[in-house]
Amino acid sequence: MSEVIRFPSRHTTLAEPLWREAVGDTVRQERLDRGERIIDVAERAGIAPQYLSEIERGRKDPSSEVHSAVAGALDLGAGEVTRRAATQMSRGPVCLAA
C-alpha cells in the first residue's frame, strides 16, 4: 500500500557535493597553483592553519568575513572565489547544508 522511502545512512557519501566542498576545492586549487603552504595563506588571512585546512577539506563553511580574508590572502576577491566555486557546482546538482 505505501511506498518505503529509504534515506542514505550517515555513512553514505552524498551524490552531490556540498557548497562548502566546492569553496574548499577552489581555495585549495588556487593555493596549490600558487605553490603556497597552508600556514602561509592562513597567516595572511589571519586564521589558524587548522581552520584553513578544514575549509579546504569542506569540513567548515567560513563566514563571509573569513571567506573574504582567505580570498584576499590568495590575491583574489571573495566574488572570484564564489564564481569559481559556482562554476564547479554547475557541473552537477547543488546541495546546500545548514
PDB file of N, CA and C in Angstrom:
ATOM      1  N   MET A   1       0.797  -1.195   0.000  1.00  0.00           N
ATOM      2  CA  MET A   1       0.000   0.000   0.000  1.00  0.00           C
ATOM      3  C   MET A   1       0.840   1.260   0.000  1.00  0.00           C
ATOM      4  N   SER A   2       1.754   1.330   0.940  1.00  0.00           N
ATOM      5  CA  SER A   2       2.577   2.529   0.962  1.00  0.00           C
ATOM      6  C   SER A   2       3.983   2.189   0.494  1.00  0.00           C
ATOM      7  N   GLU A   3       4.617   3.196  -0.046  1.00  0.00           N
ATOM      8  CA  GLU A   3       5.970   3.032  -0.574  1.00  0.00           C
ATOM      9  C   GLU A   3       6.989   3.367   0.510  1.00  0.00           C
ATOM     10  N   VAL A   4       7.993   2.542   0.631  1.00  0.00           N
ATOM     11  CA  VAL A   4       9.057   2.787   1.592  1.00  0.00           C
ATOM     12  C   VAL A   4      10.097   3.677   0.933  1.00  0.00           C
ATOM     13  N   ILE A   5      10.394   4.789   1.585  1.00  0.00           N
ATOM     14  CA  ILE A   5      11.410   5.715   1.086  1.00  0.00           C
ATOM     15  C   ILE A   5      12.653   5.519   1.929  1.00  0.00           C
ATOM     16  N   ARG A   6      13.726   5.125   1.296  1.00  0.00           N
ATOM     17  CA  ARG A   6      14.987   4.896   2.010  1.00  0.00           C
ATOM     18  C   ARG A   6      15.871   6.135   1.900  1.00  0.00           C
ATOM     19  N   PHE A   7      16.346   6.575   3.045  1.00  0.00           N
ATOM     20  CA  PHE A   7      17.256   7.707   3.097  1.00  0.00           C
ATOM     21  C   PHE A   7      18.669   7.180   3.249  1.00  0.00           C
ATOM     22  N   PRO A   8      19.645   7.880   2.677  1.00  0.00           N
ATOM     23  CA  PRO A   8      21.028   7.414   2.825  1.00  0.00           C
ATOM     24  C   PRO A   8      21.421   7.408   4.298  1.00  0.00           C
ATOM     25  N   SER A   9      22.215   6.434   4.674  1.00  0.00           N
ATOM     26  CA  SER A   9      22.702   6.399   6.051  1.00  0.00           C
ATOM     27  C   SER A   9      23.721   7.515   6.243  1.00  0.00           C
ATOM     28  N   ARG A  10      24.043   7.768   7.490  1.00  0.00           N
ATOM     29  CA  ARG A  10      25.039   8.808   7.781  1.00  0.00           C
ATOM     30  C   ARG A  10      26.389   8.455   7.201  1.00  0.00           C
ATOM     31  N   HIS A  11      26.611   7.190   6.938  1.00  0.00           N
ATOM     32  CA  HIS A  11      27.912   6.747   6.447  1.00  0.00           C
ATOM     33  C   HIS A  11      27.980   6.698   4.921  1.00  0.00           C
ATOM     34  N   THR A  12      26.872   7.013   4.264  1.00  0.00           N
ATOM     35  CA  THR A  12      26.840   7.013   2.811  1.00  0.00           C
ATOM     36  C   THR A  12      27.259   8.386   2.302  1.00  0.00           C
ATOM     37  N   THR A  13      28.122   8.419   1.314  1.00  0.00           N
ATOM     38  CA  THR A  13      28.566   9.676   0.725  1.00  0.00           C
ATOM     39  C   THR A  13      27.434  10.271  -0.108  1.00  0.00           C
ATOM     40  N   LEU A  14      27.218  11.561   0.025  1.00  0.00           N
ATOM     41  CA  LEU A  14      26.202  12.235  -0.773  1.00  0.00           C
ATOM     42  C   LEU A  14      26.609  12.228  -2.239  1.00  0.00           C
ATOM     43  N   ALA A  15      25.635  12.062  -3.111  1.00  0.00           N
ATOM     44  CA  ALA A  15      25.921  12.038  -4.543  1.00  0.00           C
ATOM     45  C   ALA A  15      26.353  13.412  -5.036  1.00  0.00           C
ATOM     46  N   GLU A  16      25.733  14.444  -4.496  1.00  0.00           N
ATOM     47  CA  GLU A  16      26.081  15.785  -4.941  1.00  0.00           C
ATOM     48  C   GLU A  16      26.987  16.460  -3.908  1.00  0.00           C
ATOM     49  N   PRO A  17      27.958  17.236  -4.380  1.00  0.00           N
ATOM     50  CA  PRO A  17      28.874  17.915  -3.449  1.00  0.00           C
ATOM     51  C   PRO A  17      28.159  19.052  -2.723  1.00  0.00           C
ATOM     52  N   LEU A  18      28.657  19.368  -1.561  1.00  0.00           N
ATOM     53  CA  LEU A  18      28.143  20.497  -0.799  1.00  0.00           C
ATOM     54  C   LEU A  18      28.817  21.780  -1.265  1.00  0.00           C
ATOM     55  N   TRP A  19      28.147  22.912  -1.046  1.00  0.00           N
ATOM     56  CA  TRP A  19      28.705  24.215  -1.406  1.00  0.00           C
ATOM     57  C   TRP A  19      30.050  24.430  -0.716  1.00  0.00           C
ATOM     58  N   ARG A  20      30.130  24.094   0.571  1.00  0.00           N
ATOM     59  CA  ARG A  20      31.378  24.299   1.306  1.00  0.00           C
ATOM     60  C   ARG A  20      32.512  23.466   0.712  1.00  0.00           C
ATOM     61  N   GLU A  21      32.194  22.309   0.124  1.00  0.00           N
ATOM     62  CA  GLU A  21      33.223  21.495  -0.527  1.00  0.00           C
ATOM     63  C   GLU A  21      33.719  22.165  -1.807  1.00  0.00           C
ATOM     64  N   ALA A  22      32.811  22.782  -2.555  1.00  0.00           N
ATOM     65  CA  ALA A  22      33.210  23.484  -3.776  1.00  0.00           C
ATOM     66  C   ALA A  22      34.086  24.688  -3.445  1.00  0.00           C
ATOM     67  N   VAL A  23      33.729  25.417  -2.401  1.00  0.00           N
ATOM     68  CA  VAL A  23      34.548  26.559  -1.973  1.00  0.00           C
ATOM     69  C   VAL A  23      35.912  26.063  -1.519  1.00  0.00           C
ATOM     70  N   GLY A  24      35.935  24.993  -0.726  1.00  0.00           N
ATOM     71  CA  GLY A  24      37.206  24.433  -0.255  1.00  0.00           C
ATOM     72  C   GLY A  24      38.088  23.963  -1.388  1.00  0.00           C
ATOM     73  N   ASP A  25      37.486  23.277  -2.363  1.00  0.00           N
ATOM     74  CA  ASP A  25      38.259  22.819  -3.522  1.00  0.00           C
ATOM     75  C   ASP A  25      38.843  24.000  -4.288  1.00  0.00           C
ATOM     76  N   THR A  26      38.060  25.055  -4.418  1.00  0.00           N
ATOM     77  CA  THR A  26      38.513  26.253  -5.126  1.00  0.00           C
ATOM     78  C   THR A  26      39.693  26.895  -4.408  1.00  0.00           C
ATOM     79  N   VAL A  27      39.581  27.034  -3.098  1.00  0.00           N
ATOM     80  CA  VAL A  27      40.657  27.635  -2.303  1.00  0.00           C
ATOM     81  C   VAL A  27      41.910  26.766  -2.382  1.00  0.00           C
ATOM     82  N   ARG A  28      41.755  25.462  -2.206  1.00  0.00           N
ATOM     83  CA  ARG A  28      42.908  24.559  -2.245  1.00  0.00           C
ATOM     84  C   ARG A  28      43.597  24.605  -3.605  1.00  0.00           C
ATOM     85  N   GLN A  29      42.814  24.562  -4.679  1.00  0.00           N
ATOM     86  CA  GLN A  29      43.402  24.559  -6.017  1.00  0.00           C
ATOM     87  C   GLN A  29      44.185  25.845  -6.275  1.00  0.00           C
ATOM     88  N   GLU A  30      43.629  26.976  -5.866  1.00  0.00           N
ATOM     89  CA  GLU A  30      44.346  28.240  -6.055  1.00  0.00           C
ATOM     90  C   GLU A  30      45.634  28.260  -5.243  1.00  0.00           C
ATOM     91  N   ARG A  31      45.570  27.789  -4.007  1.00  0.00           N
ATOM     92  CA  ARG A  31      46.767  27.760  -3.162  1.00  0.00           C
ATOM     93  C   ARG A  31      47.845  26.865  -3.774  1.00  0.00           C
ATOM     94  N   LEU A  32      47.451  25.686  -4.239  1.00  0.00           N
ATOM     95  CA  LEU A  32      48.410  24.768  -4.842  1.00  0.00           C
ATOM     96  C   LEU A  32      48.968  25.326  -6.150  1.00  0.00           C
ATOM     97  N   ASP A  33      48.112  25.951  -6.951  1.00  0.00           N
ATOM     98  CA  ASP A  33      48.572  26.558  -8.206  1.00  0.00           C
ATOM     99  C   ASP A  33      49.629  27.630  -7.941  1.00  0.00           C
ATOM    100  N   ARG A  34      49.498  28.301  -6.811  1.00  0.00           N
ATOM    101  CA  ARG A  34      50.453  29.347  -6.447  1.00  0.00           C
ATOM    102  C   ARG A  34      51.690  28.772  -5.752  1.00  0.00           C
ATOM    103  N   GLY A  35      51.658  27.475  -5.442  1.00  0.00           N
ATOM    104  CA  GLY A  35      52.787  26.835  -4.773  1.00  0.00           C
ATOM    105  C   GLY A  35      52.960  27.283  -3.334  1.00  0.00           C
ATOM    106  N   GLU A  36      51.861  27.569  -2.662  1.00  0.00           N
ATOM    107  CA  GLU A  36      51.923  28.077  -1.287  1.00  0.00           C
ATOM    108  C   GLU A  36      51.532  27.020  -0.276  1.00  0.00           C
ATOM    109  N   ARG A  37      52.007  27.197   0.942  1.00  0.00           N
ATOM    110  CA  ARG A  37      51.669  26.305   2.040  1.00  0.00           C
ATOM    111  C   ARG A  37      50.447  26.830   2.778  1.00  0.00           C
ATOM    112  N   ILE A  38      49.725  25.932   3.403  1.00  0.00           N
ATOM    113  CA  ILE A  38      48.547  26.322   4.189  1.00  0.00           C
ATOM    114  C   ILE A  38      48.923  27.357   5.240  1.00  0.00           C
ATOM    115  N   ILE A  39      50.027  27.128   5.914  1.00  0.00           N
ATOM    116  CA  ILE A  39      50.420  28.019   7.008  1.00  0.00           C
ATOM    117  C   ILE A  39      50.637  29.454   6.524  1.00  0.00           C
ATOM    118  N   ASP A  40      51.181  29.620   5.327  1.00  0.00           N
ATOM    119  CA  ASP A  40      51.440  30.963   4.799  1.00  0.00           C
ATOM    120  C   ASP A  40      50.146  31.685   4.442  1.00  0.00           C
ATOM    121  N   VAL A  41      49.238  30.980   3.777  1.00  0.00           N
ATOM    122  CA  VAL A  41      47.957  31.591   3.401  1.00  0.00           C
ATOM    123  C   VAL A  41      47.140  31.903   4.656  1.00  0.00           C
ATOM    124  N   ALA A  42      47.126  30.969   5.603  1.00  0.00           N
ATOM    125  CA  ALA A  42      46.374  31.181   6.841  1.00  0.00           C
ATOM    126  C   ALA A  42      46.898  32.389   7.606  1.00  0.00           C
ATOM    127  N   GLU A  43      48.203  32.527   7.657  1.00  0.00           N
ATOM    128  CA  GLU A  43      48.797  33.666   8.366  1.00  0.00           C
ATOM    129  C   GLU A  43      48.357  34.984   7.739  1.00  0.00           C
ATOM    130  N   ARG A  44      48.404  35.065   6.411  1.00  0.00           N
ATOM    131  CA  ARG A  44      47.971  36.297   5.737  1.00  0.00           C
ATOM    132  C   ARG A  44      46.482  36.564   5.942  1.00  0.00           C
ATOM    133  N   ALA A  45      45.690  35.485   6.029  1.00  0.00           N
ATOM    134  CA  ALA A  45      44.243  35.636   6.218  1.00  0.00           C
ATOM    135  C   ALA A  45      43.882  35.921   7.674  1.00  0.00           C
ATOM    136  N   GLY A  46      44.824  35.685   8.577  1.00  0.00           N
ATOM    137  CA  GLY A  46      44.566  35.925   9.992  1.00  0.00           C
ATOM    138  C   GLY A  46      43.748  34.824  10.650  1.00  0.00           C
ATOM    139  N   ILE A  47      43.896  33.588  10.147  1.00  0.00           N
ATOM    140  CA  ILE A  47      43.187  32.453  10.732  1.00  0.00           C
ATOM    141  C   ILE A  47      44.187  31.339  11.032  1.00  0.00           C
ATOM    142  N   ALA A  48      43.771  30.382  11.816  1.00  0.00           N
ATOM    143  CA  ALA A  48      44.630  29.252  12.159  1.00  0.00           C
ATOM    144  C   ALA A  48      44.797  28.335  10.945  1.00  0.00           C
ATOM    145  N   PRO A  49      45.985  27.783  10.765  1.00  0.00           N
ATOM    146  CA  PRO A  49      46.200  26.847   9.653  1.00  0.00           C
ATOM    147  C   PRO A  49      45.238  25.656   9.698  1.00  0.00           C
ATOM    148  N   GLN A  50      44.911  25.202  10.904  1.00  0.00           N
ATOM    149  CA  GLN A  50      43.982  24.078  11.039  1.00  0.00           C
ATOM    150  C   GLN A  50      42.599  24.444  10.496  1.00  0.00           C
ATOM    151  N   TYR A  51      42.185  25.685  10.727  1.00  0.00           N
ATOM    152  CA  TYR A  51      40.883  26.134  10.234  1.00  0.00           C
ATOM    153  C   TYR A  51      40.890  26.210   8.708  1.00  0.00           C
ATOM    154  N   LEU A  52      41.964  26.728   8.127  1.00  0.00           N
ATOM    155  CA  LEU A  52      42.064  26.782   6.667  1.00  0.00           C
ATOM    156  C   LEU A  52      42.046  25.365   6.092  1.00  0.00           C
ATOM    157  N   SER A  53      42.715  24.445   6.753  1.00  0.00           N
ATOM    158  CA  SER A  53      42.700  23.058   6.305  1.00  0.00           C
ATOM    159  C   SER A  53      41.278  22.497   6.313  1.00  0.00           C
ATOM    160  N   GLU A  54      40.514  22.802   7.340  1.00  0.00           N
ATOM    161  CA  GLU A  54      39.128  22.337   7.423  1.00  0.00           C
ATOM    162  C   GLU A  54      38.268  22.968   6.332  1.00  0.00           C
ATOM    163  N   ILE A  55      38.532  24.231   6.014  1.00  0.00           N
ATOM    164  CA  ILE A  55      37.813  24.891   4.919  1.00  0.00           C
ATOM    165  C   ILE A  55      38.134  24.178   3.612  1.00  0.00           C
ATOM    166  N   GLU A  56      39.412  23.943   3.362  1.00  0.00           N
ATOM    167  CA  GLU A  56      39.828  23.297   2.113  1.00  0.00           C
ATOM    168  C   GLU A  56      39.252  21.888   1.970  1.00  0.00           C
ATOM    169  N   ARG A  57      39.075  21.191   3.070  1.00  0.00           N
ATOM    170  CA  ARG A  57      38.527  19.833   3.021  1.00  0.00           C
ATOM    171  C   ARG A  57      37.005  19.817   3.024  1.00  0.00           C
ATOM    172  N   GLY A  58      36.391  21.006   3.034  1.00  0.00           N
ATOM    173  CA  GLY A  58      34.931  21.075   3.009  1.00  0.00           C
ATOM    174  C   GLY A  58      34.282  20.735   4.327  1.00  0.00           C
ATOM    175  N   ARG A  59      35.045  20.804   5.409  1.00  0.00           N
ATOM    176  CA  ARG A  59      34.513  20.490   6.736  1.00  0.00           C
ATOM    177  C   ARG A  59      33.896  21.703   7.408  1.00  0.00           C
ATOM    178  N   LYS A  60      34.352  22.892   7.046  1.00  0.00           N
ATOM    179  CA  LYS A  60      33.857  24.128   7.644  1.00  0.00           C
ATOM    180  C   LYS A  60      33.333  25.042   6.549  1.00  0.00           C
ATOM    181  N   ASP A  61      32.260  25.738   6.869  1.00  0.00           N
ATOM    182  CA  ASP A  61      31.661  26.717   5.970  1.00  0.00           C
ATOM    183  C   ASP A  61      32.041  28.089   6.523  1.00  0.00           C
ATOM    184  N   PRO A  62      33.010  28.762   5.919  1.00  0.00           N
ATOM    185  CA  PRO A  62      33.503  30.010   6.513  1.00  0.00           C
ATOM    186  C   PRO A  62      32.472  31.127   6.476  1.00  0.00           C
ATOM    187  N   SER A  63      32.554  31.992   7.474  1.00  0.00           N
ATOM    188  CA  SER A  63      31.717  33.198   7.477  1.00  0.00           C
ATOM    189  C   SER A  63      32.129  34.080   6.299  1.00  0.00           C
ATOM    190  N   SER A  64      31.328  35.081   6.008  1.00  0.00           N
ATOM    191  CA  SER A  64      31.666  35.972   4.895  1.00  0.00           C
ATOM    192  C   SER A  64      32.981  36.706   5.162  1.00  0.00           C
ATOM    193  N   GLU A  65      33.252  37.018   6.418  1.00  0.00           N
ATOM    194  CA  GLU A  65      34.493  37.703   6.766  1.00  0.00           C
ATOM    195  C   GLU A  65      35.705  36.806   6.522  1.00  0.00           C
ATOM    196  N   VAL A  66      35.607  35.546   6.938  1.00  0.00           N
ATOM    197  CA  VAL A  66      36.719  34.612   6.736  1.00  0.00           C
ATOM    198  C   VAL A  66      36.870  34.301   5.251  1.00  0.00           C
ATOM    199  N   HIS A  67      35.743  34.131   4.567  1.00  0.00           N
ATOM    200  CA  HIS A  67      35.776  33.888   3.116  1.00  0.00           C
ATOM    201  C   HIS A  67      36.539  35.010   2.414  1.00  0.00           C
ATOM    202  N   SER A  68      36.223  36.232   2.777  1.00  0.00           N
ATOM    203  CA  SER A  68      36.884  37.388   2.176  1.00  0.00           C
ATOM    204  C   SER A  68      38.364  37.442   2.541  1.00  0.00           C
ATOM    205  N   ALA A  69      38.697  37.125   3.789  1.00  0.00           N
ATOM    206  CA  ALA A  69      40.095  37.148   4.229  1.00  0.00           C
ATOM    207  C   ALA A  69      40.923  36.092   3.503  1.00  0.00           C
ATOM    208  N   VAL A  70      40.365  34.898   3.341  1.00  0.00           N
ATOM    209  CA  VAL A  70      41.088  33.830   2.643  1.00  0.00           C
ATOM    210  C   VAL A  70      41.267  34.186   1.176  1.00  0.00           C
ATOM    211  N   ALA A  71      40.207  34.709   0.554  1.00  0.00           N
ATOM    212  CA  ALA A  71      40.310  35.124  -0.850  1.00  0.00           C
ATOM    213  C   ALA A  71      41.386  36.196  -1.001  1.00  0.00           C
ATOM    214  N   GLY A  72      41.376  37.176  -0.105  1.00  0.00           N
ATOM    215  CA  GLY A  72      42.376  38.242  -0.157  1.00  0.00           C
ATOM    216  C   GLY A  72      43.786  37.724   0.030  1.00  0.00           C
ATOM    217  N   ALA A  73      43.949  36.721   0.896  1.00  0.00           N
ATOM    218  CA  ALA A  73      45.268  36.129   1.118  1.00  0.00           C
ATOM    219  C   ALA A  73      45.775  35.426  -0.136  1.00  0.00           C
ATOM    220  N   LEU A  74      44.852  35.072  -1.022  1.00  0.00           N
ATOM    221  CA  LEU A  74      45.226  34.448  -2.302  1.00  0.00           C
ATOM    222  C   LEU A  74      45.204  35.461  -3.449  1.00  0.00           C
ATOM    223  N   ASP A  75      45.147  36.741  -3.106  1.00  0.00           N
ATOM    224  CA  ASP A  75      45.089  37.827  -4.092  1.00  0.00           C
ATOM    225  C   ASP A  75      43.882  37.711  -5.018  1.00  0.00           C
ATOM    226  N   LEU A  76      42.776  37.243  -4.458  1.00  0.00           N
ATOM    227  CA  LEU A  76      41.512  37.149  -5.191  1.00  0.00           C
ATOM    228  C   LEU A  76      40.452  37.917  -4.422  1.00  0.00           C
ATOM    229  N   GLY A  77      39.400  38.291  -5.105  1.00  0.00           N
ATOM    230  CA  GLY A  77      38.249  38.849  -4.423  1.00  0.00           C
ATOM    231  C   GLY A  77      37.339  37.720  -3.965  1.00  0.00           C
ATOM    232  N   ALA A  78      36.524  37.999  -2.964  1.00  0.00           N
ATOM    233  CA  ALA A  78      35.574  36.995  -2.479  1.00  0.00           C
ATOM    234  C   ALA A  78      34.625  36.576  -3.601  1.00  0.00           C
ATOM    235  N   GLY A  79      34.260  37.521  -4.442  1.00  0.00           N
ATOM    236  CA  GLY A  79      33.378  37.213  -5.566  1.00  0.00           C
ATOM    237  C   GLY A  79      34.010  36.255  -6.560  1.00  0.00           C
ATOM    238  N   GLU A  80      35.316  36.365  -6.756  1.00  0.00           N
ATOM    239  CA  GLU A  80      36.009  35.462  -7.685  1.00  0.00           C
ATOM    240  C   GLU A  80      36.022  34.038  -7.149  1.00  0.00           C
ATOM    241  N   VAL A  81      36.283  33.876  -5.862  1.00  0.00           N
ATOM    242  CA  VAL A  81      36.252  32.540  -5.267  1.00  0.00           C
ATOM    243  C   VAL A  81      34.835  31.971  -5.393  1.00  0.00           C
ATOM    244  N   THR A  82      33.843  32.801  -5.125  1.00  0.00           N
ATOM    245  CA  THR A  82      32.443  32.372  -5.231  1.00  0.00           C
ATOM    246  C   THR A  82      32.115  31.985  -6.669  1.00  0.00           C
ATOM    247  N   ARG A  83      32.556  32.776  -7.631  1.00  0.00           N
ATOM    248  CA  ARG A  83      32.288  32.479  -9.043  1.00  0.00           C
ATOM    249  C   ARG A  83      32.918  31.147  -9.446  1.00  0.00           C
ATOM    250  N   ARG A  84      34.157  30.925  -9.038  1.00  0.00           N
ATOM    251  CA  ARG A  84      34.834  29.666  -9.383  1.00  0.00           C
ATOM    252  C   ARG A  84      34.123  28.466  -8.744  1.00  0.00           C
ATOM    253  N   ALA A  85      33.714  28.616  -7.497  1.00  0.00           N
ATOM    254  CA  ALA A  85      33.004  27.524  -6.824  1.00  0.00           C
ATOM    255  C   ALA A  85      31.661  27.267  -7.511  1.00  0.00           C
ATOM    256  N   ALA A  86      30.974  28.341  -7.908  1.00  0.00           N
ATOM    257  CA  ALA A  86      29.688  28.189  -8.600  1.00  0.00           C
ATOM    258  C   ALA A  86      29.879  27.499  -9.948  1.00  0.00           C
ATOM    259  N   THR A  87      30.951  27.827 -10.644  1.00  0.00           N
ATOM    260  CA  THR A  87      31.247  27.172 -11.920  1.00  0.00           C
ATOM    261  C   THR A  87      31.465  25.683 -11.704  1.00  0.00           C
ATOM    262  N   GLN A  88      32.185  25.345 -10.658  1.00  0.00           N
ATOM    263  CA  GLN A  88      32.411  23.939 -10.320  1.00  0.00           C
ATOM    264  C   GLN A  88      31.080  23.251 -10.012  1.00  0.00           C
ATOM    265  N   MET A  89      30.209  23.937  -9.293  1.00  0.00           N
ATOM    266  CA  MET A  89      28.922  23.362  -8.906  1.00  0.00           C
ATOM    267  C   MET A  89      27.987  23.214 -10.097  1.00  0.00           C
ATOM    268  N   SER A  90      28.173  24.015 -11.142  1.00  0.00           N
ATOM    269  CA  SER A  90      27.272  23.960 -12.296  1.00  0.00           C
ATOM    270  C   SER A  90      27.427  22.667 -13.083  1.00  0.00           C
ATOM    271  N   ARG A  91      28.445  21.895 -12.741  1.00  0.00           N
ATOM    272  CA  ARG A  91      28.655  20.603 -13.407  1.00  0.00           C
ATOM    273  C   ARG A  91      27.704  19.527 -12.902  1.00  0.00           C
ATOM    274  N   GLY A  92      26.971  19.832 -11.853  1.00  0.00           N
ATOM    275  CA  GLY A  92      26.061  18.842 -11.284  1.00  0.00           C
ATOM    276  C   GLY A  92      25.111  19.492 -10.323  1.00  0.00           C
ATOM    277  N   PRO A  93      24.288  18.707  -9.607  1.00  0.00           N
ATOM    278  CA  PRO A  93      23.337  19.272  -8.664  1.00  0.00           C
ATOM    279  C   PRO A  93      24.046  19.898  -7.474  1.00  0.00           C
ATOM    280  N   VAL A  94      23.383  20.837  -6.832  1.00  0.00           N
ATOM    281  CA  VAL A  94      23.932  21.559  -5.682  1.00  0.00           C
ATOM    282  C   VAL A  94      23.201  21.120  -4.427  1.00  0.00           C
ATOM    283  N   CYS A  95      23.925  20.892  -3.367  1.00  0.00           N
ATOM    284  CA  CYS A  95      23.331  20.555  -2.081  1.00  0.00           C
ATOM    285  C   CYS A  95      23.835  21.564  -1.070  1.00  0.00           C
ATOM    286  N   LEU A  96      22.945  22.424  -0.588  1.00  0.00           N
ATOM    287  CA  LEU A  96      23.315  23.416   0.415  1.00  0.00           C
ATOM    288  C   LEU A  96      22.999  22.848   1.782  1.00  0.00           C
ATOM    289  N   ALA A  97      23.966  22.846   2.684  1.00  0.00           N
ATOM    290  CA  ALA A  97      23.768  22.308   4.032  1.00  0.00           C
ATOM    291  C   ALA A  97      23.646  23.441   5.017  1.00  0.00           C
ATOM    292  N   ALA A  98      22.807  23.263   5.990  1.00  0.00           N
ATOM    293  CA  ALA A  98      22.622  24.280   7.026  1.00  0.00           C
ATOM    294  C   ALA A  98      23.595  24.063   8.156  1.00  0.00           C
TER     295      ALA A  98
END
